[in-house]
Amino acid sequence: MIVEHLEVLVEEPSMDAVLRALLPKILGPISFEIFSHSCKDDLLRRLPQRLRGYAPWLPENWMILVVVDQDDDDCRDLKAKLDEMARQAGLVPRSDAHGGRYAVINRIAIEELEAWYFGDWAAVCGAFPKVPSSAHNQARYRDPDAIRGGTWEAFERVLKHAGYFKGGLRKLEAARAIAPLMDPARNTSRSFQALRQALEDLKNPQRLQVREAAGTRYGR
């Protein structure tokens, strides 16, 4: 079975902007549409109904992708919650595929979208040239998915120190500047690479079997 189209549900406009720039680089000929919400709570509140709406008519060669930030949630609990919403709607999440067909891919940005910027610092420097090219090599930023004290706050501090966004980080503006310069293959965020791998698999039917280890923080 060859996937021809991806329906993408995201929590807010900056993730929408990033994925609109990145998905063509990852998906190749697979078409997609992105539906953004006002915030994470809005997406989670609407998600069960939206999934139930897809269930009766979703073509076999279509797939659904749900992307949310971890924020302060436990990653495994949040992932389990998303998977259960799919099951309750009558759709098979990727976690349950066991080599068979699935309809829903749930992915989590750990802990926030800005971790993916730290994972591709060359793109950040391209968008904001006054940012030090070595900033992401500091010990506290070296693992994009383990930045303490809030990833977007850390990203805002770095950009403010370089003279950008003195009045506060404008997330959508930053996303639109950085995302076109991002290279999916070089991103060092493990949560981003888990997303990329799941999407890469859609292009090759032989790789649609779930290959990731069960119970990992970034997989399934």
C-alpha atoms as a PDB file:
ATOM      1  CA  MET A   1       0.000   0.000   0.000  1.00  0.00           C
ATOM      2  CA  ILE A   2       1.423   3.358  -1.089  1.00  0.00           C
ATOM      3  CA  VAL A   3       0.480   6.393   0.970  1.00  0.00           C
ATOM      4  CA  GLU A   4      -0.658   9.264  -1.248  1.00  0.00           C
ATOM      5  CA  HIS A   5      -1.884  11.881   1.229  1.00  0.00           C
ATOM      6  CA  LEU A   6      -1.262  13.006   4.810  1.00  0.00           C
ATOM      7  CA  GLU A   7      -3.742  14.898   7.016  1.00  0.00           C
ATOM      8  CA  VAL A   8      -1.792  16.812   9.674  1.00  0.00           C
ATOM      9  CA  LEU A   9      -3.245  18.132  12.938  1.00  0.00           C
ATOM     10  CA  VAL A  10      -1.100  20.577  14.928  1.00  0.00           C
ATOM     11  CA  GLU A  11      -1.651  22.691  18.012  1.00  0.00           C
ATOM     12  CA  GLU A  12      -0.733  26.170  16.805  1.00  0.00           C
ATOM     13  CA  PRO A  13       0.354  28.305  13.825  1.00  0.00           C
ATOM     14  CA  SER A  14       4.133  28.173  14.350  1.00  0.00           C
ATOM     15  CA  MET A  15       4.165  24.370  14.078  1.00  0.00           C
ATOM     16  CA  ASP A  16       1.956  24.745  11.016  1.00  0.00           C
ATOM     17  CA  ALA A  17       4.532  27.093   9.452  1.00  0.00           C
ATOM     18  CA  VAL A  18       7.450  24.781  10.229  1.00  0.00           C
ATOM     19  CA  LEU A  19       5.786  21.686   8.826  1.00  0.00           C
ATOM     20  CA  ARG A  20       4.632  23.479   5.673  1.00  0.00           C
ATOM     21  CA  ALA A  21       8.299  24.155   4.949  1.00  0.00           C
ATOM     22  CA  LEU A  22       9.639  20.751   6.022  1.00  0.00           C
ATOM     23  CA  LEU A  23       7.056  18.230   4.868  1.00  0.00           C
ATOM     24  CA  PRO A  24       7.753  18.643   1.145  1.00  0.00           C
ATOM     25  CA  LYS A  25      11.424  17.930   1.859  1.00  0.00           C
ATOM     26  CA  ILE A  26      10.545  14.723   3.717  1.00  0.00           C
ATOM     27  CA  LEU A  27       7.445  13.418   1.956  1.00  0.00           C
ATOM     28  CA  GLY A  28       8.439  13.990  -1.655  1.00  0.00           C
ATOM     29  CA  PRO A  29       5.392  13.326  -3.866  1.00  0.00           C
ATOM     30  CA  ILE A  30       2.993  12.648  -0.970  1.00  0.00           C
ATOM     31  CA  SER A  31       0.460  15.459  -0.677  1.00  0.00           C
ATOM     32  CA  PHE A  32      -0.575  16.919   2.670  1.00  0.00           C
ATOM     33  CA  GLU A  33      -2.924  19.353   4.345  1.00  0.00           C
ATOM     34  CA  ILE A  34      -2.326  20.941   7.745  1.00  0.00           C
ATOM     35  CA  PHE A  35      -5.037  21.929  10.207  1.00  0.00           C
ATOM     36  CA  SER A  36      -3.906  24.241  12.999  1.00  0.00           C
ATOM     37  CA  HIS A  37      -5.582  24.915  16.338  1.00  0.00           C
ATOM     38  CA  SER A  38      -5.427  27.822  18.747  1.00  0.00           C
ATOM     39  CA  CYS A  39      -3.358  25.942  21.343  1.00  0.00           C
ATOM     40  CA  LYS A  40      -2.515  22.473  22.655  1.00  0.00           C
ATOM     41  CA  ASP A  41      -5.630  22.298  24.845  1.00  0.00           C
ATOM     42  CA  ASP A  42      -7.784  23.191  21.856  1.00  0.00           C
ATOM     43  CA  LEU A  43      -6.254  20.401  19.767  1.00  0.00           C
ATOM     44  CA  LEU A  44      -6.607  17.798  22.514  1.00  0.00           C
ATOM     45  CA  ARG A  45     -10.194  18.836  23.178  1.00  0.00           C
ATOM     46  CA  ARG A  46     -11.196  18.614  19.521  1.00  0.00           C
ATOM     47  CA  LEU A  47      -9.078  15.603  18.574  1.00  0.00           C
ATOM     48  CA  PRO A  48     -11.490  12.770  19.570  1.00  0.00           C
ATOM     49  CA  GLN A  49     -14.277  14.285  17.477  1.00  0.00           C
ATOM     50  CA  ARG A  50     -11.990  14.963  14.542  1.00  0.00           C
ATOM     51  CA  LEU A  51     -10.687  11.395  14.558  1.00  0.00           C
ATOM     52  CA  ARG A  52     -14.228  10.004  14.743  1.00  0.00           C
ATOM     53  CA  GLY A  53     -15.033  12.176  11.753  1.00  0.00           C
ATOM     54  CA  TYR A  54     -12.175  10.663   9.749  1.00  0.00           C
ATOM     55  CA  ALA A  55     -12.904   7.048  10.655  1.00  0.00           C
ATOM     56  CA  PRO A  56     -15.870   6.320   8.318  1.00  0.00           C
ATOM     57  CA  TRP A  57     -14.303   7.658   5.145  1.00  0.00           C
ATOM     58  CA  LEU A  58     -10.498   7.794   5.445  1.00  0.00           C
ATOM     59  CA  PRO A  59      -9.083   6.158   2.300  1.00  0.00           C
ATOM     60  CA  GLU A  60      -6.613   3.319   2.786  1.00  0.00           C
ATOM     61  CA  ASN A  61      -3.888   5.339   1.082  1.00  0.00           C
ATOM     62  CA  TRP A  62      -4.335   8.334   3.425  1.00  0.00           C
ATOM     63  CA  MET A  63      -2.688   8.788   6.792  1.00  0.00           C
ATOM     64  CA  ILE A  64      -3.231  11.118   9.762  1.00  0.00           C
ATOM     65  CA  LEU A  65      -0.365  12.800  11.607  1.00  0.00           C
ATOM     66  CA  VAL A  66      -0.886  14.446  15.003  1.00  0.00           C
ATOM     67  CA  VAL A  67       1.955  16.607  16.381  1.00  0.00           C
ATOM     68  CA  VAL A  68       1.893  18.183  19.857  1.00  0.00           C
ATOM     69  CA  ASP A  69       4.449  19.706  22.216  1.00  0.00           C
ATOM     70  CA  GLN A  70       5.319  17.762  25.349  1.00  0.00           C
ATOM     71  CA  ASP A  71       5.427  20.891  27.536  1.00  0.00           C
ATOM     72  CA  ASP A  72       5.080  19.774  31.174  1.00  0.00           C
ATOM     73  CA  ASP A  73       3.326  16.497  30.385  1.00  0.00           C
ATOM     74  CA  ASP A  74       4.884  13.108  30.872  1.00  0.00           C
ATOM     75  CA  CYS A  75       5.858  12.073  27.340  1.00  0.00           C
ATOM     76  CA  ARG A  76       4.725   8.463  27.636  1.00  0.00           C
ATOM     77  CA  ASP A  77       1.425   9.427  29.244  1.00  0.00           C
ATOM     78  CA  LEU A  78       0.737  12.007  26.535  1.00  0.00           C
ATOM     79  CA  LYS A  79       1.599   9.522  23.786  1.00  0.00           C
ATOM     80  CA  ALA A  80      -0.642   6.895  25.382  1.00  0.00           C
ATOM     81  CA  LYS A  81      -3.461   9.431  25.569  1.00  0.00           C
ATOM     82  CA  LEU A  82      -3.137  10.266  21.876  1.00  0.00           C
ATOM     83  CA  ASP A  83      -3.018   6.596  20.896  1.00  0.00           C
ATOM     84  CA  GLU A  84      -6.105   5.838  22.976  1.00  0.00           C
ATOM     85  CA  MET A  85      -8.007   8.652  21.262  1.00  0.00           C
ATOM     86  CA  ALA A  86      -7.250   6.989  17.923  1.00  0.00           C
ATOM     87  CA  ARG A  87      -8.379   3.582  19.179  1.00  0.00           C
ATOM     88  CA  GLN A  88     -11.591   5.017  20.579  1.00  0.00           C
ATOM     89  CA  ALA A  89     -12.305   6.528  17.167  1.00  0.00           C
ATOM     90  CA  GLY A  90     -11.812   3.162  15.480  1.00  0.00           C
ATOM     91  CA  LEU A  91      -8.454   4.055  13.927  1.00  0.00           C
ATOM     92  CA  VAL A  92      -5.226   2.073  14.400  1.00  0.00           C
ATOM     93  CA  PRO A  93      -2.312   4.129  15.790  1.00  0.00           C
ATOM     94  CA  ARG A  94       1.202   3.349  14.591  1.00  0.00           C
ATOM     95  CA  SER A  95       2.035   2.011  18.060  1.00  0.00           C
ATOM     96  CA  ASP A  96      -0.448  -0.847  17.551  1.00  0.00           C
ATOM     97  CA  ALA A  97       0.482  -1.742  13.985  1.00  0.00           C
ATOM     98  CA  HIS A  98       2.933  -4.598  14.726  1.00  0.00           C
ATOM     99  CA  GLY A  99       3.807  -4.787  11.064  1.00  0.00           C
ATOM    100  CA  GLY A 100       0.260  -4.241   9.842  1.00  0.00           C
ATOM    101  CA  ARG A 101      -1.576  -1.228   8.502  1.00  0.00           C
ATOM    102  CA  TYR A 102      -2.163   1.805  10.658  1.00  0.00           C
ATOM    103  CA  ALA A 103      -3.968   5.113  10.121  1.00  0.00           C
ATOM    104  CA  VAL A 104      -2.609   7.519  12.740  1.00  0.00           C
ATOM    105  CA  ILE A 105       0.935   8.651  13.555  1.00  0.00           C
ATOM    106  CA  ASN A 106       1.228  10.478  16.878  1.00  0.00           C
ATOM    107  CA  ARG A 107       4.401  12.464  17.418  1.00  0.00           C
ATOM    108  CA  ILE A 108       5.585  14.715  20.260  1.00  0.00           C
ATOM    109  CA  ALA A 109       8.043  17.608  20.120  1.00  0.00           C
ATOM    110  CA  ILE A 110      10.168  17.229  23.271  1.00  0.00           C
ATOM    111  CA  GLU A 111       9.652  19.446  25.001  1.00  0.00           C
ATOM    112  CA  GLU A 112       8.601  22.110  22.508  1.00  0.00           C
ATOM    113  CA  LEU A 113       8.971  23.076  18.867  1.00  0.00           C
ATOM    114  CA  GLU A 114      11.965  25.256  19.715  1.00  0.00           C
ATOM    115  CA  ALA A 115      13.982  22.102  20.481  1.00  0.00           C
ATOM    116  CA  TRP A 116      13.916  21.433  16.755  1.00  0.00           C
ATOM    117  CA  TYR A 117      15.509  24.857  16.164  1.00  0.00           C
ATOM    118  CA  PHE A 118      18.330  24.018  18.566  1.00  0.00           C
ATOM    119  CA  GLY A 119      18.707  20.781  16.605  1.00  0.00           C
ATOM    120  CA  ASP A 120      19.373  22.685  13.369  1.00  0.00           C
ATOM    121  CA  TRP A 121      21.365  25.688  14.540  1.00  0.00           C
ATOM    122  CA  ALA A 122      22.703  26.394  11.062  1.00  0.00           C
ATOM    123  CA  ALA A 123      19.144  27.247  10.018  1.00  0.00           C
ATOM    124  CA  VAL A 124      18.757  29.574  13.010  1.00  0.00           C
ATOM    125  CA  CYS A 125      22.012  31.354  12.134  1.00  0.00           C
ATOM    126  CA  GLY A 126      20.904  31.660   8.532  1.00  0.00           C
ATOM    127  CA  ALA A 127      17.672  33.330   9.592  1.00  0.00           C
ATOM    128  CA  PHE A 128      19.243  35.448  12.331  1.00  0.00           C
ATOM    129  CA  PRO A 129      22.890  36.118  11.379  1.00  0.00           C
ATOM    130  CA  LYS A 130      23.843  37.902  14.617  1.00  0.00           C
ATOM    131  CA  VAL A 131      23.181  34.726  16.648  1.00  0.00           C
ATOM    132  CA  PRO A 132      26.497  33.058  17.642  1.00  0.00           C
ATOM    133  CA  SER A 133      27.073  29.965  15.532  1.00  0.00           C
ATOM    134  CA  SER A 134      28.498  28.149  18.551  1.00  0.00           C
ATOM    135  CA  ALA A 135      25.603  28.833  20.949  1.00  0.00           C
ATOM    136  CA  HIS A 136      24.067  25.385  20.497  1.00  0.00           C
ATOM    137  CA  ASN A 137      27.353  23.775  21.548  1.00  0.00           C
ATOM    138  CA  GLN A 138      27.028  25.032  25.106  1.00  0.00           C
ATOM    139  CA  ALA A 139      26.473  22.114  27.475  1.00  0.00           C
ATOM    140  CA  ARG A 140      22.965  23.250  28.428  1.00  0.00           C
ATOM    141  CA  TYR A 141      21.842  23.313  24.771  1.00  0.00           C
ATOM    142  CA  ARG A 142      23.799  20.380  23.364  1.00  0.00           C
ATOM    143  CA  ASP A 143      20.904  17.920  23.674  1.00  0.00           C
ATOM    144  CA  PRO A 144      17.938  19.782  22.169  1.00  0.00           C
ATOM    145  CA  ASP A 145      15.403  17.481  23.828  1.00  0.00           C
ATOM    146  CA  ALA A 146      16.866  17.886  27.323  1.00  0.00           C
ATOM    147  CA  ILE A 147      17.085  21.676  27.713  1.00  0.00           C
ATOM    148  CA  ARG A 148      16.002  22.596  31.213  1.00  0.00           C
ATOM    149  CA  GLY A 149      13.771  25.500  32.226  1.00  0.00           C
ATOM    150  CA  GLY A 150      11.687  25.664  29.065  1.00  0.00           C
ATOM    151  CA  THR A 151      12.955  25.302  25.495  1.00  0.00           C
ATOM    152  CA  TRP A 152      11.210  28.323  24.045  1.00  0.00           C
ATOM    153  CA  GLU A 153      12.408  30.460  26.950  1.00  0.00           C
ATOM    154  CA  ALA A 154      15.986  29.320  26.299  1.00  0.00           C
ATOM    155  CA  PHE A 155      15.610  30.029  22.592  1.00  0.00           C
ATOM    156  CA  GLU A 156      14.172  33.463  23.334  1.00  0.00           C
ATOM    157  CA  ARG A 157      17.123  34.285  25.637  1.00  0.00           C
ATOM    158  CA  VAL A 158      19.668  33.418  22.962  1.00  0.00           C
ATOM    159  CA  LEU A 159      17.916  35.496  20.321  1.00  0.00           C
ATOM    160  CA  LYS A 160      17.382  38.452  22.672  1.00  0.00           C
ATOM    161  CA  HIS A 161      21.060  38.408  23.631  1.00  0.00           C
ATOM    162  CA  ALA A 162      21.882  38.632  19.921  1.00  0.00           C
ATOM    163  CA  GLY A 163      19.587  41.619  19.521  1.00  0.00           C
ATOM    164  CA  TYR A 164      16.439  39.985  18.188  1.00  0.00           C
ATOM    165  CA  PHE A 165      12.901  40.007  19.625  1.00  0.00           C
ATOM    166  CA  LYS A 166      13.682  42.458  22.414  1.00  0.00           C
ATOM    167  CA  GLY A 167       9.980  42.655  23.186  1.00  0.00           C
ATOM    168  CA  GLY A 168       9.593  38.878  23.385  1.00  0.00           C
ATOM    169  CA  LEU A 169       9.821  35.968  20.965  1.00  0.00           C
ATOM    170  CA  ARG A 170       7.299  36.172  18.131  1.00  0.00           C
ATOM    171  CA  LYS A 171       6.926  32.471  17.478  1.00  0.00           C
ATOM    172  CA  LEU A 172       5.220  32.592  14.106  1.00  0.00           C
ATOM    173  CA  GLU A 173       7.689  35.121  12.733  1.00  0.00           C
ATOM    174  CA  ALA A 174      10.604  32.982  13.929  1.00  0.00           C
ATOM    175  CA  ALA A 175       9.084  29.836  12.443  1.00  0.00           C
ATOM    176  CA  ARG A 176       8.598  31.442   9.044  1.00  0.00           C
ATOM    177  CA  ALA A 177      12.204  32.678   9.031  1.00  0.00           C
ATOM    178  CA  ILE A 178      13.884  29.472  10.213  1.00  0.00           C
ATOM    179  CA  ALA A 179      11.857  26.624   8.727  1.00  0.00           C
ATOM    180  CA  PRO A 180      12.695  27.193   5.021  1.00  0.00           C
ATOM    181  CA  LEU A 181      16.402  26.902   5.919  1.00  0.00           C
ATOM    182  CA  MET A 182      16.081  23.681   7.939  1.00  0.00           C
ATOM    183  CA  ASP A 183      17.558  20.424   6.669  1.00  0.00           C
ATOM    184  CA  PRO A 184      15.626  17.426   8.093  1.00  0.00           C
ATOM    185  CA  ALA A 185      18.600  15.096   7.783  1.00  0.00           C
ATOM    186  CA  ARG A 186      20.971  17.147   9.935  1.00  0.00           C
ATOM    187  CA  ASN A 187      18.623  17.900  12.839  1.00  0.00           C
ATOM    188  CA  THR A 188      20.053  16.549  16.097  1.00  0.00           C
ATOM    189  CA  SER A 189      16.744  16.522  18.001  1.00  0.00           C
ATOM    190  CA  ARG A 190      15.775  12.915  18.604  1.00  0.00           C
ATOM    191  CA  SER A 191      12.097  13.775  18.757  1.00  0.00           C
ATOM    192  CA  PHE A 192      12.386  15.428  15.345  1.00  0.00           C
ATOM    193  CA  GLN A 193      14.199  12.419  13.911  1.00  0.00           C
ATOM    194  CA  ALA A 194      11.452  10.134  15.256  1.00  0.00           C
ATOM    195  CA  LEU A 195       8.970  12.226  13.286  1.00  0.00           C
ATOM    196  CA  ARG A 196      11.170  12.238  10.200  1.00  0.00           C
ATOM    197  CA  GLN A 197      11.661   8.471  10.299  1.00  0.00           C
ATOM    198  CA  ALA A 198       7.930   7.804  10.584  1.00  0.00           C
ATOM    199  CA  LEU A 199       7.315  10.043   7.578  1.00  0.00           C
ATOM    200  CA  GLU A 200      10.179   8.603   5.542  1.00  0.00           C
ATOM    201  CA  ASP A 201       8.629   5.167   6.014  1.00  0.00           C
ATOM    202  CA  LEU A 202       5.458   6.319   4.265  1.00  0.00           C
ATOM    203  CA  LYS A 203       7.348   6.624   0.978  1.00  0.00           C
ATOM    204  CA  ASN A 204       8.426   2.980   0.985  1.00  0.00           C
ATOM    205  CA  PRO A 205       5.757   0.298   1.571  1.00  0.00           C
ATOM    206  CA  GLN A 206       8.434  -2.188   2.633  1.00  0.00           C
ATOM    207  CA  ARG A 207       9.383   0.113   5.515  1.00  0.00           C
ATOM    208  CA  LEU A 208       5.855   0.680   6.806  1.00  0.00           C
ATOM    209  CA  GLN A 209       6.415  -1.988   9.417  1.00  0.00           C
ATOM    210  CA  VAL A 210       7.151  -0.403  12.751  1.00  0.00           C
ATOM    211  CA  ARG A 211      10.865  -0.739  13.408  1.00  0.00           C
ATOM    212  CA  GLU A 212      11.285   1.252  16.573  1.00  0.00           C
ATOM    213  CA  ALA A 213      11.762  -0.333  19.970  1.00  0.00           C
ATOM    214  CA  ALA A 214       8.572  -0.500  22.033  1.00  0.00           C
ATOM    215  CA  GLY A 215       8.359   1.865  24.971  1.00  0.00           C
ATOM    216  CA  THR A 216      11.099   4.276  23.914  1.00  0.00           C
ATOM    217  CA  ARG A 217      10.710   7.959  24.638  1.00  0.00           C
ATOM    218  CA  TYR A 218      10.945   9.001  21.012  1.00  0.00           C
ATOM    219  CA  GLY A 219       9.581   6.034  19.079  1.00  0.00           C
ATOM    220  CA  ARG A 220       6.436   4.290  18.014  1.00  0.00           C
END
